[in-house]
Amino acid sequence: MSDSTETIRPPEHVEDLEVKDAQIIFNSVWARLEEELGEEHLRFPKEIFWLNGAPGAGKGTHTGFIMQYRDLTAPPLVVSSLLDTPEARKMKDAGMLVGDREVIEIMLRKLLEPVFQSGAVVDGFPRTKVQVECVKLLHQKLNELHNKFRDTLYAEHFKKPHFHIVVLFVDEKESVNRQLQRGREAQEHNVEVEESGIGERLEVRATDLDPQAALNRYRTFKEKTYDALRELREIFFYHFINAHGTIEEVRGRIDEELRYQGSLELAEPTYDRISAIPTAHKLSLHARQKLVDRLDTYVRRKGPLFEEVVDLIQSDFLPIIERHAISGMAVINTESGILHDTDALAMLIDIFSERGYHAIVDITREEIPESIDPQSFKIRTRIKRVYRVRVQFKGSDIRRGR
C-alpha cells in the first residue's frame, strides 16, 4: 500500500469571496464604460454623498436639506428607482436579471450625466459588502484619473474625488414605530383621495403595515447595511447622524456634520498652506462667552466710561437706527469725544454685538481751519475726527396686499 498525502485547503472566507465578486463586477462595468466612452470622458462628480439610513430614519425628508446645504442642484439618484428606469426595463424585457452588476452599471452611467457634475446625492447605496467594495474601487479609479490628467488640458474634468458616507440612524423601536406610522398615514391619505377625488394616492409598503415585517426590515439594515458601511469610516468622511427627535433637531445635527472640511475639499498642498488659519466656525464657537466676559470686564474696570457709551448709543444712534428699521442698515456719523478713547470704541462695537447688531467703525481725520495767526498770517487748523458707524441688523419684512 503506497503512502499518499492529501492537502486540505480551508474554505475561502465569505468576505474574501465578496471582495472578489466586487472586483469582478466593477472591473467588468468599468472596462465596458471605458471601451464605449473613452477614458477621457469618464467624468464623474467631484463630490458624492452616499446616503443611507435605517428604515424610517427620514432619508427622503432630509435629502433636500443636504442638497441645499451643499448647493447641489441635480435631483437625488435613488438607487431603488434605478430598477424602474428604461435601461433596467430593457434588461428585464430581454429576460435578464437586474443584479449588482446591472445596478452598478446603470448608476455609474447616470453619474456621468452632465447634470451631476457639480455633485450628487446617491440615495440607498451601498447596502451590501459587495457594493461597499465597489464604492472603494470607484474612488480608487477616480483618484487614478485625477493623477493621470492632473497636468493636462483635461485636468478641470478630473478633480480630486470627495466621497461622503451619510448614515441616518434610529434605534429598533423608533424605526418600527415610524414605519407603521408612515403606513397608517399613507392609508388615511389614500382614503381621503378616494373620497374627495383630489390628490394622488401614496404607495403603501407592505412592511409599513406589518409590525414583524417592519422589524425584519430594520434588522436586515442593522446586520447587513450598517455593518458593511462601518468599514468606510477609515477611508471616507463618515457622517453618522442621530435621526431621533424633531426635523429641526436632526437638521441641526446634519448642519454640524456637513460643515466645511478643508482637508477633504482642497488639494493637499493648498490645505497645508491655509490650515494654520482657523475656520470661522472654530472662531465663533466660544465667541458669545468671550463677548459676555468683555462686557462684564468693562463694567467692573471702567464703569463710568461704559455708562457714557450706553448713553451715547441711546441718544445719538438709536433714533437713526429706528428710522432705518425696514432696510436693516443705518449709517451714523458722530464727532463725539467719548470715542477718542479706544476702549470706548471697543465697548460700542461689543454692546451692539450683544444686542444683535453688527457694527463697523471707520475713522476719518479732517484738517479744519480755525483761526489766523496775526503775526504770521498763517492759518491755524485743528484735526476733526469723524466716526462713521455702519450698523446692520435684520430688517423688517413688509407684507404687501393686493
Protein backbone atom coordinates (compact mmCIF):
# COMPACT_ATOMS: atom_id res chain seq x y z
CA MET A 1 0.00 0.00 0.00
CA SER A 2 1.59 3.21 -1.13
CA ASP A 3 1.65 6.27 1.03
CA SER A 4 -0.28 9.25 -0.18
CA THR A 5 -0.78 12.70 1.16
CA GLU A 6 -3.77 14.96 0.75
CA THR A 7 -3.71 18.72 1.15
CA ILE A 8 -6.86 20.02 2.75
CA ARG A 9 -7.46 23.68 1.96
CA PRO A 10 -9.66 25.73 4.24
CA PRO A 11 -12.70 27.22 2.54
CA GLU A 12 -12.24 30.83 1.49
CA HIS A 13 -13.71 33.32 3.89
CA VAL A 14 -17.06 34.68 2.82
CA GLU A 15 -15.74 38.26 2.93
CA ASP A 16 -12.87 37.35 0.61
CA LEU A 17 -15.37 35.95 -1.88
CA GLU A 18 -17.44 39.14 -1.66
CA VAL A 19 -14.35 41.26 -2.31
CA LYS A 20 -13.51 39.13 -5.36
CA ASP A 21 -17.09 39.31 -6.60
CA ALA A 22 -16.99 43.11 -6.28
CA GLN A 23 -13.72 43.33 -8.18
CA ILE A 24 -15.08 41.16 -11.00
CA ILE A 25 -18.34 43.15 -11.20
CA PHE A 26 -16.75 46.59 -11.01
CA ASN A 27 -13.86 45.86 -13.38
CA SER A 28 -16.30 44.43 -15.92
CA VAL A 29 -18.54 47.52 -15.76
CA TRP A 30 -15.58 49.92 -15.84
CA ALA A 31 -13.99 48.19 -18.84
CA ARG A 32 -17.26 48.42 -20.74
CA LEU A 33 -17.66 52.14 -19.99
CA GLU A 34 -14.04 52.82 -20.90
CA GLU A 35 -14.33 50.99 -24.20
CA GLU A 36 -17.63 52.63 -25.11
CA LEU A 37 -16.97 56.22 -23.98
CA GLY A 38 -13.20 56.55 -23.78
CA GLU A 39 -11.22 57.16 -20.62
CA GLU A 40 -11.14 60.94 -21.10
CA HIS A 41 -14.96 61.03 -20.98
CA LEU A 42 -15.35 59.19 -17.67
CA ARG A 43 -16.08 62.45 -15.87
CA PHE A 44 -17.75 61.74 -12.56
CA PRO A 45 -18.92 64.27 -9.93
CA LYS A 46 -16.16 65.69 -7.78
CA GLU A 47 -18.33 65.24 -4.67
CA ILE A 48 -20.67 62.33 -4.00
CA PHE A 49 -22.83 61.85 -0.91
CA TRP A 50 -23.65 58.17 -0.40
CA LEU A 51 -26.82 58.43 1.69
CA ASN A 52 -28.10 55.55 3.77
CA GLY A 53 -30.23 55.13 6.83
CA ALA A 54 -32.34 52.88 8.97
CA PRO A 55 -35.92 52.32 7.79
CA GLY A 56 -37.96 55.33 8.89
CA ALA A 57 -34.86 57.44 9.66
CA GLY A 58 -36.01 60.17 7.25
CA LYS A 59 -33.77 59.92 4.19
CA GLY A 60 -36.49 61.33 1.96
CA THR A 61 -37.28 64.05 4.49
CA HIS A 62 -33.69 65.27 4.80
CA THR A 63 -32.26 64.72 1.30
CA GLY A 64 -33.42 68.14 0.11
CA PHE A 65 -31.79 69.82 3.10
CA ILE A 66 -28.46 68.09 2.41
CA MET A 67 -28.62 69.15 -1.25
CA GLN A 68 -29.47 72.75 -0.34
CA TYR A 69 -26.70 72.84 2.26
CA ARG A 70 -24.10 71.80 -0.32
CA ASP A 71 -25.63 73.80 -3.22
CA LEU A 72 -26.37 70.64 -5.22
CA THR A 73 -28.94 71.19 -7.97
CA ALA A 74 -29.21 67.72 -9.55
CA PRO A 75 -32.04 65.52 -8.29
CA PRO A 76 -31.03 62.73 -5.89
CA LEU A 77 -30.12 59.48 -7.58
CA VAL A 78 -32.39 56.96 -5.80
CA VAL A 79 -30.90 53.52 -6.37
CA SER A 80 -34.15 51.61 -5.75
CA SER A 81 -35.71 53.64 -8.58
CA LEU A 82 -32.98 52.58 -10.98
CA LEU A 83 -34.74 49.23 -11.26
CA ASP A 84 -37.59 51.05 -12.98
CA THR A 85 -35.51 53.08 -15.45
CA PRO A 86 -35.71 52.47 -19.22
CA GLU A 87 -32.30 50.79 -19.03
CA ALA A 88 -33.42 48.37 -16.34
CA ARG A 89 -36.76 47.66 -18.05
CA LYS A 90 -34.89 46.92 -21.25
CA MET A 91 -32.77 44.37 -19.40
CA LYS A 92 -35.82 42.79 -17.77
CA ASP A 93 -37.68 42.67 -21.09
CA ALA A 94 -34.72 40.76 -22.53
CA GLY A 95 -35.08 38.21 -19.75
CA MET A 96 -32.02 39.41 -17.83
CA LEU A 97 -31.83 39.60 -14.06
CA VAL A 98 -31.07 43.04 -12.64
CA GLY A 99 -28.42 42.27 -10.04
CA ASP A 100 -25.45 44.10 -8.55
CA ARG A 101 -23.63 44.32 -11.87
CA GLU A 102 -26.56 45.83 -13.72
CA VAL A 103 -27.45 48.28 -10.92
CA ILE A 104 -23.85 49.45 -10.67
CA GLU A 105 -23.61 49.97 -14.42
CA ILE A 106 -26.87 51.93 -14.55
CA MET A 107 -25.80 54.01 -11.53
CA LEU A 108 -22.37 54.86 -12.98
CA ARG A 109 -23.91 55.82 -16.32
CA LYS A 110 -26.31 58.13 -14.51
CA LEU A 111 -23.47 59.76 -12.56
CA LEU A 112 -21.73 60.51 -15.86
CA GLU A 113 -24.63 62.70 -16.97
CA PRO A 114 -23.64 66.42 -17.06
CA VAL A 115 -26.35 67.38 -14.54
CA PHE A 116 -24.38 65.64 -11.78
CA GLN A 117 -21.02 67.26 -12.47
CA SER A 118 -21.21 69.70 -9.56
CA GLY A 119 -22.06 66.93 -7.11
CA ALA A 120 -24.54 64.17 -6.42
CA VAL A 121 -26.54 62.51 -3.66
CA VAL A 122 -26.88 58.75 -4.15
CA ASP A 123 -29.78 57.50 -2.02
CA GLY A 124 -29.68 53.87 -0.86
CA PHE A 125 -26.18 52.79 -1.89
CA PRO A 126 -24.05 50.96 -0.81
CA ARG A 127 -26.11 48.41 1.12
CA THR A 128 -24.04 45.23 0.92
CA LYS A 129 -20.41 44.26 1.30
CA VAL A 130 -20.12 43.85 -2.48
CA GLN A 131 -21.49 47.34 -3.05
CA VAL A 132 -19.18 48.81 -0.38
CA GLU A 133 -16.21 47.33 -2.21
CA CYS A 134 -17.48 48.83 -5.47
CA VAL A 135 -17.56 52.29 -3.86
CA LYS A 136 -13.94 51.80 -2.78
CA LEU A 137 -12.96 50.72 -6.30
CA LEU A 138 -14.74 53.71 -7.85
CA HIS A 139 -12.87 56.10 -5.56
CA GLN A 140 -9.60 54.39 -6.45
CA LYS A 141 -10.31 54.73 -10.18
CA LEU A 142 -11.25 58.41 -9.87
CA ASN A 143 -8.03 59.11 -7.99
CA GLU A 144 -6.10 57.37 -10.75
CA LEU A 145 -7.82 59.52 -13.38
CA HIS A 146 -7.14 62.64 -11.29
CA ASN A 147 -3.43 61.83 -11.15
CA LYS A 148 -3.25 60.86 -14.81
CA PHE A 149 -4.90 64.01 -16.17
CA ARG A 150 -3.64 66.45 -13.50
CA ASP A 151 -1.17 68.23 -15.79
CA THR A 152 -3.22 68.04 -18.99
CA LEU A 153 -5.95 70.07 -20.65
CA TYR A 154 -8.47 67.63 -19.13
CA ALA A 155 -7.46 68.44 -15.52
CA GLU A 156 -10.60 70.51 -14.77
CA HIS A 157 -12.77 67.45 -15.51
CA PHE A 158 -10.85 65.15 -13.17
CA LYS A 159 -10.76 66.85 -9.79
CA LYS A 160 -9.78 65.03 -6.63
CA PRO A 161 -12.86 62.93 -5.67
CA HIS A 162 -14.58 63.57 -2.33
CA PHE A 163 -16.86 60.81 -1.04
CA HIS A 164 -19.09 61.35 1.99
CA ILE A 165 -20.86 58.46 3.71
CA VAL A 166 -24.03 59.77 5.39
CA VAL A 167 -25.88 57.42 7.76
CA LEU A 168 -29.14 58.48 9.43
CA PHE A 169 -29.66 56.26 12.44
CA VAL A 170 -32.60 55.45 14.71
CA ASP A 171 -32.94 52.51 17.08
CA GLU A 172 -35.11 49.46 16.52
CA LYS A 173 -38.17 50.66 18.46
CA GLU A 174 -38.20 54.09 16.81
CA SER A 175 -37.73 52.58 13.35
CA VAL A 176 -40.65 50.17 13.71
CA ASN A 177 -42.92 52.91 15.13
CA ARG A 178 -42.07 55.28 12.27
CA GLN A 179 -42.62 52.63 9.60
CA LEU A 180 -46.05 51.73 10.99
CA GLN A 181 -46.99 55.40 11.41
CA ARG A 182 -46.00 56.03 7.78
CA GLY A 183 -48.24 53.14 6.73
CA ARG A 184 -51.21 54.47 8.71
CA GLU A 185 -50.76 57.99 7.35
CA ALA A 186 -50.49 56.72 3.77
CA GLN A 187 -53.70 54.68 4.14
CA GLU A 188 -55.58 57.63 5.65
CA HIS A 189 -54.34 59.88 2.83
CA ASN A 190 -55.46 57.39 0.18
CA VAL A 191 -58.94 57.15 1.72
CA GLU A 192 -59.22 60.97 1.53
CA VAL A 193 -58.09 60.92 -2.11
CA GLU A 194 -60.68 58.27 -3.00
CA GLU A 195 -63.49 60.12 -1.22
CA SER A 196 -62.64 63.60 -2.49
CA GLY A 197 -61.19 62.74 -5.88
CA ILE A 198 -58.43 65.28 -5.16
CA GLY A 199 -54.75 64.45 -4.95
CA GLU A 200 -52.67 61.40 -5.76
CA ARG A 201 -52.52 58.11 -3.95
CA LEU A 202 -49.38 57.28 -1.98
CA GLU A 203 -47.53 53.99 -2.23
CA VAL A 204 -48.19 51.82 0.82
CA ARG A 205 -45.33 49.44 1.56
CA ALA A 206 -46.27 46.04 2.89
CA THR A 207 -43.59 46.37 5.58
CA ASP A 208 -45.29 49.56 6.81
CA LEU A 209 -48.43 47.62 7.73
CA ASP A 210 -46.97 44.56 9.46
CA PRO A 211 -45.02 45.04 12.75
CA GLN A 212 -42.99 41.86 12.21
CA ALA A 213 -42.12 42.81 8.64
CA ALA A 214 -41.07 46.28 9.81
CA LEU A 215 -38.90 44.69 12.50
CA ASN A 216 -37.31 42.31 9.98
CA ARG A 217 -36.55 45.22 7.65
CA TYR A 218 -34.77 47.08 10.43
CA ARG A 219 -32.75 44.03 11.44
CA THR A 220 -31.70 43.46 7.83
CA PHE A 221 -30.42 47.05 7.72
CA LYS A 222 -28.58 46.64 11.04
CA GLU A 223 -26.97 43.28 10.21
CA LYS A 224 -26.06 43.88 6.55
CA THR A 225 -26.06 47.54 5.53
CA TYR A 226 -24.92 49.13 8.79
CA ASP A 227 -22.10 46.63 9.34
CA ALA A 228 -20.94 47.00 5.73
CA LEU A 229 -20.93 50.80 5.92
CA ARG A 230 -18.90 50.99 9.13
CA GLU A 231 -15.70 49.86 7.42
CA LEU A 232 -15.81 53.00 5.27
CA ARG A 233 -15.18 55.17 8.35
CA GLU A 234 -11.43 54.85 7.95
CA ILE A 235 -11.45 55.74 4.25
CA PHE A 236 -14.00 58.49 3.63
CA PHE A 237 -15.53 61.26 5.68
CA TYR A 238 -18.20 59.45 7.66
CA HIS A 239 -21.29 61.36 8.85
CA PHE A 240 -23.14 59.27 11.44
CA ILE A 241 -26.25 61.26 12.36
CA ASN A 242 -28.65 60.60 15.20
CA ALA A 243 -32.06 60.92 13.48
CA HIS A 244 -34.14 60.82 16.67
CA GLY A 245 -36.09 63.97 17.51
CA THR A 246 -37.81 66.70 15.53
CA ILE A 247 -36.95 67.64 11.94
CA GLU A 248 -35.30 70.83 13.21
CA GLU A 249 -33.16 68.90 15.71
CA VAL A 250 -32.00 66.39 13.10
CA ARG A 251 -31.22 69.13 10.59
CA GLY A 252 -29.19 70.88 13.25
CA ARG A 253 -27.08 67.72 13.57
CA ILE A 254 -26.75 67.44 9.79
CA ASP A 255 -25.62 71.05 9.66
CA GLU A 256 -22.97 70.32 12.29
CA GLU A 257 -21.76 67.21 10.43
CA LEU A 258 -21.54 68.75 6.99
CA ARG A 259 -19.62 71.90 7.91
CA TYR A 260 -16.70 72.81 5.71
CA GLN A 261 -13.97 70.16 5.75
CA GLY A 262 -10.87 71.72 4.23
CA SER A 263 -8.87 68.50 4.43
CA LEU A 264 -11.38 66.80 2.14
CA GLU A 265 -12.25 69.57 -0.32
CA LEU A 266 -8.86 71.06 -1.12
CA ALA A 267 -5.78 69.56 -2.70
CA GLU A 268 -3.24 68.60 -0.05
CA PRO A 269 -0.70 71.38 -0.82
CA THR A 270 -3.46 74.01 -0.75
CA TYR A 271 -4.88 72.74 2.52
CA ASP A 272 -1.42 72.53 4.12
CA ARG A 273 -0.79 76.16 3.18
CA ILE A 274 -4.00 77.60 4.67
CA SER A 275 -4.74 75.16 7.52
CA ALA A 276 -2.99 77.40 10.08
CA ILE A 277 -5.86 79.89 9.68
CA PRO A 278 -8.75 78.74 11.91
CA THR A 279 -12.16 78.22 10.33
CA ALA A 280 -14.92 80.74 11.06
CA HIS A 281 -16.86 78.02 12.86
CA LYS A 282 -13.98 77.36 15.23
CA LEU A 283 -13.55 81.06 15.95
CA SER A 284 -17.24 81.62 16.62
CA LEU A 285 -17.60 78.54 18.81
CA HIS A 286 -16.82 80.45 22.03
CA ALA A 287 -17.32 83.98 20.73
CA ARG A 288 -20.52 84.57 22.71
CA GLN A 289 -18.93 83.71 26.04
CA LYS A 290 -15.89 85.87 25.26
CA LEU A 291 -18.22 88.78 24.41
CA VAL A 292 -20.03 88.40 27.74
CA ASP A 293 -16.72 88.31 29.60
CA ARG A 294 -15.54 91.51 27.88
CA LEU A 295 -18.75 93.39 28.70
CA ASP A 296 -18.58 92.35 32.37
CA THR A 297 -14.95 93.48 32.50
CA TYR A 298 -15.86 96.90 31.04
CA VAL A 299 -18.45 97.43 33.79
CA ARG A 300 -16.05 96.34 36.55
CA ARG A 301 -12.98 98.27 35.42
CA LYS A 302 -14.36 101.27 33.51
CA GLY A 303 -17.94 101.60 34.67
CA PRO A 304 -18.33 105.39 34.12
CA LEU A 305 -16.96 105.20 30.55
CA PHE A 306 -19.26 102.24 29.84
CA GLU A 307 -22.24 104.29 31.04
CA GLU A 308 -21.24 107.16 28.73
CA VAL A 309 -21.09 104.81 25.73
CA VAL A 310 -24.51 103.34 26.54
CA ASP A 311 -25.96 106.87 26.85
CA LEU A 312 -24.35 107.87 23.53
CA ILE A 313 -25.94 104.89 21.75
CA GLN A 314 -29.35 105.69 23.20
CA SER A 315 -29.24 109.41 22.43
CA ASP A 316 -27.35 109.61 19.10
CA PHE A 317 -27.62 106.19 17.49
CA LEU A 318 -30.99 104.58 18.27
CA PRO A 319 -33.19 107.37 16.80
CA ILE A 320 -31.40 106.95 13.44
CA ILE A 321 -31.42 103.13 13.63
CA GLU A 322 -35.17 103.12 14.32
CA ARG A 323 -35.78 105.21 11.20
CA HIS A 324 -33.98 102.53 9.16
CA ALA A 325 -35.70 99.53 10.77
CA ILE A 326 -37.13 98.37 7.45
CA SER A 327 -33.88 98.38 5.48
CA GLY A 328 -31.80 96.80 8.25
CA MET A 329 -28.87 99.18 7.81
CA ALA A 330 -28.08 102.62 9.22
CA VAL A 331 -25.02 104.87 8.83
CA ILE A 332 -24.35 107.30 11.67
CA ASN A 333 -21.67 109.99 11.65
CA THR A 334 -20.58 111.32 15.03
CA GLU A 335 -17.80 113.55 16.35
CA SER A 336 -18.36 112.56 19.98
CA GLY A 337 -15.19 112.99 22.00
CA ILE A 338 -16.13 109.92 24.04
CA LEU A 339 -14.98 107.74 21.15
CA HIS A 340 -11.47 109.21 21.21
CA ASP A 341 -10.83 106.57 23.86
CA THR A 342 -10.08 103.28 22.07
CA ASP A 343 -11.76 101.39 24.93
CA ALA A 344 -14.96 103.32 24.22
CA LEU A 345 -14.84 102.24 20.58
CA ALA A 346 -14.42 98.61 21.63
CA MET A 347 -17.34 98.97 24.05
CA LEU A 348 -19.53 100.47 21.31
CA ILE A 349 -18.93 97.53 18.95
CA ASP A 350 -19.40 94.91 21.68
CA ILE A 351 -22.61 96.48 23.02
CA PHE A 352 -24.11 96.45 19.52
CA SER A 353 -22.99 92.82 19.04
CA GLU A 354 -24.60 91.74 22.31
CA ARG A 355 -27.86 93.36 21.20
CA GLY A 356 -27.85 91.53 17.86
CA TYR A 357 -26.41 94.29 15.63
CA HIS A 358 -23.28 94.22 13.50
CA ALA A 359 -21.32 97.49 13.79
CA ILE A 360 -18.34 98.63 11.70
CA VAL A 361 -16.48 101.84 12.53
CA ASP A 362 -14.44 103.94 10.08
CA ILE A 363 -12.46 106.93 11.37
CA THR A 364 -11.64 109.92 9.17
CA ARG A 365 -9.46 112.84 10.17
CA GLU A 366 -10.13 116.24 8.61
CA GLU A 367 -7.99 119.37 8.97
CA ILE A 368 -10.36 122.25 9.74
CA PRO A 369 -9.33 125.99 9.53
CA GLU A 370 -9.83 127.55 12.95
CA SER A 371 -8.09 130.98 13.07
CA ILE A 372 -5.37 133.16 11.54
CA ASP A 373 -2.13 133.96 13.35
CA PRO A 374 -1.99 137.80 13.48
CA GLN A 375 1.80 137.79 13.38
CA SER A 376 2.49 135.35 10.56
CA PHE A 377 -0.95 135.40 8.96
CA LYS A 378 -0.77 131.60 8.86
CA ILE A 379 -3.99 129.66 9.17
CA ARG A 380 -4.31 127.68 12.36
CA THR A 381 -6.11 124.38 11.94
CA ARG A 382 -7.47 121.66 14.13
CA ILE A 383 -7.95 117.97 13.42
CA LYS A 384 -11.59 116.88 13.40
CA ARG A 385 -12.28 113.20 13.92
CA VAL A 386 -15.44 111.85 12.35
CA TYR A 387 -16.58 108.37 13.34
CA ARG A 388 -18.65 106.78 10.60
CA VAL A 389 -20.54 103.84 12.13
CA ARG A 390 -22.38 101.38 9.89
CA VAL A 391 -24.93 99.36 11.84
CA GLN A 392 -26.51 96.31 10.19
CA PHE A 393 -29.31 94.13 11.52
CA LYS A 394 -32.23 92.01 10.35
CA GLY A 395 -34.66 94.32 8.61
CA SER A 396 -38.43 94.27 8.90
CA ASP A 397 -40.44 92.10 6.50
CA ILE A 398 -43.04 94.13 4.63
CA ARG A 399 -46.32 92.46 3.82
CA ARG A 400 -47.91 93.79 0.69
CA GLY A 401 -51.57 93.34 -0.08
CA ARG A 402 -53.25 93.48 -3.45
